[in-house]
Protein backbone atom coordinates (compact mmCIF):
# COMPACT_ATOMS: atom_id res chain seq x y z
CA MET A 1 -36.77 -9.25 -79.82
CA ASP A 2 -40.47 -9.78 -79.02
CA VAL A 3 -42.10 -10.31 -75.83
CA LYS A 4 -41.57 -14.29 -76.10
CA GLU A 5 -38.30 -13.82 -76.70
CA LEU A 6 -37.49 -11.83 -73.81
CA GLU A 7 -39.32 -13.80 -71.32
CA THR A 8 -36.73 -16.67 -72.81
CA ALA A 9 -33.70 -14.56 -71.99
CA VAL A 10 -35.02 -13.70 -68.70
CA LEU A 11 -35.55 -17.28 -67.75
CA GLN A 12 -32.33 -18.21 -69.08
CA VAL A 13 -30.75 -15.39 -66.80
CA GLN A 14 -32.46 -16.84 -63.86
CA ARG A 15 -32.14 -20.48 -64.26
CA GLU A 16 -28.20 -19.41 -64.76
CA ALA A 17 -27.91 -17.14 -61.89
CA GLU A 18 -29.79 -19.67 -59.43
CA ASP A 19 -27.21 -22.57 -60.67
CA ALA A 20 -24.34 -20.00 -60.17
CA LEU A 21 -25.62 -19.06 -56.21
CA GLY A 22 -26.12 -22.46 -55.17
CA GLN A 23 -21.99 -22.82 -55.65
CA VAL A 24 -21.35 -20.00 -53.57
CA GLN A 25 -19.25 -20.46 -50.18
CA ASP A 26 -18.08 -17.53 -48.84
CA ALA A 27 -19.08 -13.55 -48.64
CA ARG A 28 -16.45 -12.73 -51.51
CA ALA A 29 -18.30 -14.68 -54.07
CA LEU A 30 -21.93 -13.82 -53.02
CA ASP A 31 -21.07 -10.40 -53.20
CA GLU A 32 -19.54 -10.82 -56.78
CA TRP A 33 -22.80 -12.95 -57.81
CA ARG A 34 -24.91 -9.95 -56.59
CA VAL A 35 -22.89 -7.52 -58.41
CA ARG A 36 -22.87 -9.96 -61.86
CA TYR A 37 -26.78 -10.53 -61.55
CA LEU A 38 -28.56 -7.87 -59.77
CA GLY A 39 -25.91 -5.22 -60.46
CA LYS A 40 -26.73 -1.83 -63.46
CA LYS A 41 -24.45 -3.98 -65.55
CA SER A 42 -25.79 -7.13 -64.88
CA ALA A 43 -27.60 -9.50 -67.93
CA LEU A 44 -30.91 -9.19 -66.42
CA SER A 45 -30.15 -4.99 -66.87
CA GLN A 46 -29.37 -5.75 -70.11
CA VAL A 47 -32.06 -7.43 -71.43
CA MET A 48 -34.27 -4.61 -69.49
CA ARG A 49 -32.96 -2.48 -71.78
CA GLN A 50 -34.17 -4.36 -74.98
CA MET A 51 -37.73 -3.21 -74.02
CA GLY A 52 -37.81 -0.27 -75.65
CA THR A 53 -37.68 -2.54 -78.49
CA LEU A 54 -40.82 -3.79 -78.02
CA PRO A 55 -44.23 -2.35 -78.98
CA ALA A 56 -45.93 -0.36 -76.40
CA GLU A 57 -48.90 -2.63 -75.46
CA GLU A 58 -46.20 -5.36 -74.97
CA ARG A 59 -44.21 -3.59 -72.61
CA PRO A 60 -46.20 -4.27 -69.28
CA ARG A 61 -46.24 -7.93 -70.07
CA ALA A 62 -42.15 -7.93 -70.75
CA GLY A 63 -41.50 -5.44 -67.60
CA GLU A 64 -43.80 -8.10 -65.49
CA VAL A 65 -41.40 -10.85 -66.35
CA VAL A 66 -38.59 -8.55 -65.68
CA ASN A 67 -39.61 -7.62 -62.01
CA ARG A 68 -40.75 -10.84 -61.24
CA CYS A 69 -37.35 -12.22 -61.77
CA ARG A 70 -35.81 -9.50 -60.25
CA GLU A 71 -37.42 -9.94 -57.00
CA ARG A 72 -36.85 -13.96 -57.40
CA LEU A 73 -32.97 -13.44 -57.77
CA GLN A 74 -33.27 -10.57 -55.16
CA ALA A 75 -34.77 -12.85 -52.55
CA ALA A 76 -32.37 -15.51 -53.33
CA TRP A 77 -29.49 -13.69 -52.69
CA GLU A 78 -30.80 -12.49 -49.60
CA ALA A 79 -31.68 -16.35 -48.38
CA ALA A 80 -28.38 -16.93 -49.27
CA ARG A 81 -26.70 -13.97 -47.33
CA THR A 82 -28.35 -15.11 -44.35
CA ALA A 83 -27.59 -18.71 -44.67
CA LEU A 84 -24.02 -17.85 -44.92
CA SER A 85 -24.24 -15.29 -42.21
CA GLU A 86 -25.26 -18.29 -39.94
CA ARG A 87 -22.75 -21.20 -40.82
CA LEU A 88 -19.99 -18.62 -40.61
CA LEU A 89 -21.43 -17.84 -36.90
CA ALA A 90 -21.98 -21.36 -36.17
CA GLU A 91 -18.35 -22.20 -37.39
CA ARG A 92 -16.59 -19.23 -35.09
CA LEU A 93 -18.68 -20.14 -32.11
CA ALA A 94 -17.55 -23.97 -32.46
CA SER A 95 -13.92 -22.41 -32.82
CA GLU A 96 -14.20 -20.37 -30.04
CA ARG A 97 -16.25 -22.60 -27.52
CA ILE A 98 -15.88 -21.23 -24.01
CA ASP A 99 -15.66 -23.85 -21.43
CA VAL A 100 -17.42 -22.33 -18.42
CA THR A 101 -16.37 -25.20 -15.99
CA LEU A 102 -13.07 -23.35 -15.90
CA PRO A 103 -12.04 -21.63 -12.86
CA GLY A 104 -12.80 -17.77 -13.37
CA ARG A 105 -9.48 -15.83 -12.94
CA ARG A 106 -9.22 -13.74 -9.53
CA GLN A 107 -9.35 -9.53 -10.13
CA GLU A 108 -6.68 -8.26 -9.69
CA ARG A 109 -5.76 -5.58 -6.54
CA GLY A 110 -4.87 -2.42 -7.91
CA ALA A 111 -1.93 -0.15 -6.52
CA LEU A 112 -0.97 3.77 -6.32
CA HIS A 113 1.74 4.40 -8.90
CA PRO A 114 4.88 4.76 -6.59
CA SER A 115 5.16 9.02 -7.09
CA VAL A 116 1.49 9.32 -6.49
CA ARG A 117 1.98 7.20 -3.13
CA VAL A 118 5.15 9.82 -2.67
CA ILE A 119 3.08 12.34 -3.19
CA GLN A 120 0.42 11.13 -0.95
CA GLU A 121 3.15 10.55 1.69
CA VAL A 122 4.79 14.23 1.06
CA GLU A 123 1.86 15.75 1.44
CA ASP A 124 0.71 13.83 4.65
CA ILE A 125 4.29 14.75 6.32
CA PHE A 126 3.93 18.55 5.76
CA LEU A 127 0.03 18.84 6.69
CA GLY A 128 1.07 17.43 9.73
CA MET A 129 3.80 20.52 10.36
CA GLY A 130 1.23 22.57 9.40
CA PHE A 131 1.45 23.53 5.64
CA SER A 132 -1.48 23.83 3.27
CA ILE A 133 -1.31 22.72 -0.09
CA ALA A 134 -2.12 24.62 -3.26
CA GLU A 135 -2.16 24.21 -6.71
CA GLY A 136 -0.96 26.17 -9.64
CA PRO A 137 -0.82 26.53 -13.67
CA GLU A 138 1.29 24.16 -16.18
CA VAL A 139 1.15 26.72 -18.38
CA GLU A 140 2.68 29.92 -16.80
CA THR A 141 4.20 33.18 -18.11
CA ASP A 142 7.58 34.15 -18.52
CA GLU A 143 7.48 36.78 -15.73
CA TYR A 144 5.99 34.03 -13.02
CA ASN A 145 8.31 31.19 -13.97
CA PHE A 146 11.59 33.26 -14.26
CA GLU A 147 11.06 37.36 -13.84
CA LYS A 148 9.55 37.87 -10.83
CA LEU A 149 11.78 34.93 -9.40
CA ASN A 150 14.86 37.00 -10.01
CA LEU A 151 15.94 35.88 -13.17
CA PRO A 152 15.82 38.77 -15.82
CA GLN A 153 15.93 37.78 -19.89
CA ASP A 154 19.58 38.06 -19.71
CA HIS A 155 20.23 36.00 -16.63
CA PRO A 156 22.56 33.30 -17.01
CA ALA A 157 21.06 30.79 -14.84
CA ARG A 158 18.02 30.69 -17.55
CA ASP A 159 20.42 28.35 -19.18
CA MET A 160 20.02 25.55 -16.43
CA GLN A 161 16.78 25.32 -17.35
CA ASP A 162 15.82 24.49 -21.49
CA THR A 163 12.30 25.62 -21.61
CA PHE A 164 9.22 24.48 -23.65
CA TYR A 165 8.10 27.72 -24.95
CA LEU A 166 4.47 28.05 -26.50
CA THR A 167 4.72 31.78 -27.20
CA ASP A 168 7.10 34.81 -26.61
CA THR A 169 5.21 34.59 -22.79
CA LEU A 170 3.54 31.56 -22.51
CA LEU A 171 5.45 28.51 -21.87
CA LEU A 172 5.18 25.00 -19.93
CA ARG A 173 6.72 25.65 -16.25
CA THR A 174 10.01 24.64 -15.49
CA HIS A 175 9.28 24.06 -11.55
CA THR A 176 7.25 24.68 -9.48
CA SER A 177 8.54 27.80 -7.66
CA PRO A 178 6.21 30.33 -9.76
CA MET A 179 3.40 29.38 -7.01
CA GLN A 180 6.02 30.86 -4.88
CA VAL A 181 4.87 34.46 -5.91
CA ARG A 182 1.35 33.48 -6.71
CA THR A 183 1.10 32.37 -3.20
CA MET A 184 2.72 35.62 -1.67
CA GLU A 185 1.09 37.67 -3.65
CA ARG A 186 -2.79 35.95 -3.19
CA MET A 187 -1.74 35.78 0.70
CA ARG A 188 -0.01 39.32 1.78
CA PRO A 189 0.17 40.82 3.89
CA GLN A 190 -1.25 37.88 6.03
CA ALA A 191 1.33 35.54 7.63
CA PRO A 192 2.68 33.50 8.50
CA VAL A 193 2.53 31.77 4.86
CA LYS A 194 3.54 27.38 5.14
CA VAL A 195 2.41 26.06 1.86
CA ILE A 196 3.74 22.88 -0.24
CA VAL A 197 3.07 22.95 -4.26
CA PRO A 198 2.65 19.44 -5.71
CA GLY A 199 2.77 19.79 -9.42
CA ARG A 200 4.17 18.52 -13.02
CA VAL A 201 7.04 20.29 -14.31
CA TYR A 202 8.58 20.13 -18.11
CA ARG A 203 11.85 20.67 -19.03
CA ARG A 204 13.65 19.76 -22.81
CA ASP A 205 15.85 17.37 -21.38
CA GLU A 206 17.01 14.06 -23.11
CA ASP A 207 15.36 11.28 -21.21
CA ASP A 208 17.59 8.57 -19.67
CA ALA A 209 18.33 6.79 -16.73
CA THR A 210 17.86 10.11 -14.19
CA HIS A 211 16.27 12.40 -16.30
CA SER A 212 12.87 13.14 -17.88
CA HIS A 213 11.34 15.86 -19.84
CA ALA A 214 8.27 15.38 -17.85
CA PHE A 215 8.59 14.89 -14.33
CA ASN A 216 6.68 15.68 -10.77
CA GLN A 217 8.14 18.62 -8.21
CA ILE A 218 6.86 19.36 -4.87
CA GLU A 219 7.60 23.04 -3.64
CA GLY A 220 8.04 24.25 -0.16
CA LEU A 221 7.37 27.91 1.35
CA VAL A 222 7.38 29.40 4.64
CA VAL A 223 7.24 33.29 5.14
CA ASP A 224 6.99 35.02 8.23
CA GLU A 225 9.22 37.60 10.64
CA GLY A 226 12.45 36.19 12.59
CA ILE A 227 12.60 32.93 9.86
CA ARG A 228 15.53 31.58 10.04
CA MET A 229 17.96 28.62 7.88
CA SER A 230 18.17 26.63 11.48
CA ASP A 231 13.79 26.57 10.53
CA LEU A 232 14.81 25.37 7.41
CA LYS A 233 17.21 22.79 8.25
CA GLY A 234 14.80 21.64 11.04
CA VAL A 235 11.40 21.11 8.78
CA LEU A 236 13.58 19.29 6.27
CA GLU A 237 15.16 16.94 9.04
CA GLN A 238 11.43 15.86 10.35
CA PHE A 239 10.65 15.48 6.93
CA ALA A 240 13.96 13.05 5.84
CA ARG A 241 13.02 10.99 9.37
CA ALA A 242 9.51 10.56 8.29
CA MET A 243 9.80 10.18 5.05
CA PHE A 244 13.35 7.56 5.22
CA GLY A 245 13.36 6.65 9.30
CA PRO A 246 13.97 7.99 12.39
CA GLU A 247 17.46 7.18 12.21
CA GLN A 248 18.05 9.35 9.08
CA ALA A 249 20.11 12.76 9.14
CA VAL A 250 20.20 15.69 6.77
CA ARG A 251 23.16 18.17 5.54
CA LEU A 252 22.85 21.19 3.75
CA ARG A 253 26.07 22.11 1.51
CA PRO A 254 26.15 25.63 -0.18
CA SER A 255 24.82 25.74 -3.58
CA PHE A 256 23.32 28.83 -5.93
CA PHE A 257 19.52 29.79 -7.18
CA PRO A 258 18.71 33.13 -8.00
CA PHE A 259 15.31 32.97 -5.98
CA THR A 260 16.79 32.23 -2.50
CA GLU A 261 19.97 33.52 -0.78
CA PRO A 262 22.06 32.25 0.53
CA SER A 263 20.64 28.47 -1.27
CA ALA A 264 21.55 25.29 -0.23
CA GLU A 265 21.76 21.38 -1.47
CA VAL A 266 20.25 19.18 1.00
CA ASP A 267 21.49 15.38 1.22
CA VAL A 268 20.28 12.60 3.51
CA LEU A 269 22.62 9.77 4.69
CA CYS A 270 22.56 7.03 1.65
CA ILE A 271 19.87 4.63 2.08
CA ASN A 272 21.39 1.97 0.49
CA CYS A 273 24.68 2.22 2.66
CA GLY A 274 23.26 4.10 6.04
CA GLY A 275 26.20 6.39 5.61
CA ALA A 276 29.36 3.94 5.05
CA GLY A 277 29.81 4.69 1.39
CA CYS A 278 28.91 2.43 -1.50
CA ARG A 279 28.29 2.50 -4.98
CA VAL A 280 25.09 3.98 -5.07
CA CYS A 281 26.32 7.41 -3.39
CA LYS A 282 29.43 7.30 -4.90
CA GLU A 283 31.71 6.19 -1.45
CA THR A 284 30.51 9.43 0.40
CA GLY A 285 28.08 7.77 2.24
CA TRP A 286 25.48 11.17 1.23
CA ILE A 287 22.83 11.24 -0.97
CA GLU A 288 21.28 14.44 -2.71
CA ILE A 289 17.73 14.76 -2.34
CA LEU A 290 16.75 18.49 -2.75
CA GLY A 291 17.62 22.26 -3.04
CA ALA A 292 16.72 24.85 -0.59
CA GLY A 293 17.24 28.46 0.85
CA MET A 294 15.65 31.15 2.15
CA VAL A 295 13.46 33.75 0.14
CA HIS A 296 15.39 36.10 -1.81
CA PRO A 297 14.43 39.68 -0.77
CA HIS A 298 13.91 40.69 -3.96
CA VAL A 299 11.19 37.77 -4.77
CA LEU A 300 9.37 39.16 -1.35
CA ASP A 301 9.53 42.57 -2.02
CA GLY A 302 8.02 41.89 -5.91
CA ALA A 303 5.22 39.56 -3.71
CA GLY A 304 4.39 42.70 -1.81
CA TYR A 305 6.40 41.24 1.46
CA ASP A 306 8.20 43.81 3.25
CA SER A 307 11.72 42.38 3.16
CA ARG A 308 13.06 44.37 5.86
CA ARG A 309 10.32 42.97 8.13
CA PHE A 310 9.40 39.52 6.63
CA ASN A 311 11.86 36.32 5.27
CA GLY A 312 11.17 32.82 4.53
CA PHE A 313 12.67 29.98 3.22
CA ALA A 314 11.94 27.99 0.29
CA PHE A 315 12.63 24.04 -0.94
CA GLY A 316 11.68 21.95 -3.77
CA MET A 317 12.32 18.14 -4.48
CA GLY A 318 12.12 15.70 -7.44
CA VAL A 319 9.42 13.13 -6.84
CA GLU A 320 10.46 11.20 -9.22
CA ARG A 321 14.19 11.16 -7.01
CA ILE A 322 12.86 10.38 -3.91
CA ALA A 323 10.81 7.45 -5.44
CA MET A 324 14.05 6.34 -6.55
CA LEU A 325 15.74 6.41 -3.19
CA LYS A 326 12.60 4.51 -1.59
CA TYR A 327 11.97 1.89 -3.52
CA GLY A 328 15.45 1.01 -4.86
CA ILE A 329 14.42 1.67 -8.07
CA GLU A 330 17.60 2.49 -10.59
CA ASP A 331 16.00 3.80 -13.67
CA ILE A 332 13.53 6.86 -13.81
CA ARG A 333 12.32 5.59 -16.82
CA HIS A 334 10.47 2.74 -15.18
CA LEU A 335 8.00 5.13 -13.28
CA TYR A 336 6.41 5.85 -16.99
CA GLN A 337 6.99 2.48 -18.66
CA ASN A 338 3.39 1.42 -16.89
CA ASP A 339 5.55 -2.12 -16.63
CA LEU A 340 3.02 -4.25 -14.50
CA ARG A 341 5.91 -5.81 -13.07
CA LEU A 342 7.04 -2.78 -11.31
CA LEU A 343 3.28 -1.76 -10.28
CA ARG A 344 2.17 -5.37 -9.02
CA GLN A 345 5.18 -4.82 -6.10
CA PHE A 346 3.01 -2.12 -4.85
CA ALA A 347 -0.05 -3.37 -4.48
CA ARG A 348 -1.20 -4.43 -1.01
CA PRO A 349 -1.85 -7.54 -0.16
CA VAL A 350 -5.45 -9.06 0.19
């Protein structure tokens, strides 16, 4: 092949490429055209490989012809790509036209989640009774979560709380009660101690209408000289009336918790029937809301308070349990599913 034959072959490739480019209608076909006529295995590249057979004095002219053809095809491809992008954009704008004369949508007002509302309300109630608020770690040690609360390694009560262990000694706390010990250790020998501890806790429960593997608790602790069970009942009665209404009553039933002695389950009059008996309260007229009791002497002594001089009471309530009772929510899972149909009911009016 001489230089004239090479020029003829280059012009033939150019005409073929330009004719093919005129038939391109979409991005995929355009990309296939680029590979076919400008790629490493294109017809133009094959012509360029034959330049090595030309005499040395003819190669510069042949190279000029090939480069001119490549630049022309490259420019044609870029122009076609720009035109195709503009056409596709115009088609999209035409299909997605916005009617600016339509009235705008009103911005929805946000609302506090029911659980957050209950936490804030409980905090306000106890702040009004002279309590302070504390927070503690969600990743807790076995020592504070169990042993310092009078639950040694072999204690059967550990079976009541199926635990998420991270290591042999670290776990996700199963209750907010570890903050009883942490607070007393921080404040000893100061008295009185009056604190509530809101926070998230974790247990290996199967999620159903009344249970969740992660939920919120609020712990309460009072330590001083001369604290009695009647003081506990008085505080809980004041809380119940502030939360559920001025006619609310409280009932204490004997129970067992390793870190309190004596211990009690605390009931309030059924929110639904007012104590008359209904399906919600299983015809008893009462609904359990929390557990409580007098702080066990072993817990006091372990935290640095002399149990012969000091005593106190503690209580713990489930936030979601309170929210379900207060707002008539029948399934705890509704509180975690972020369903706007539920959350909109708690939006404040404009």
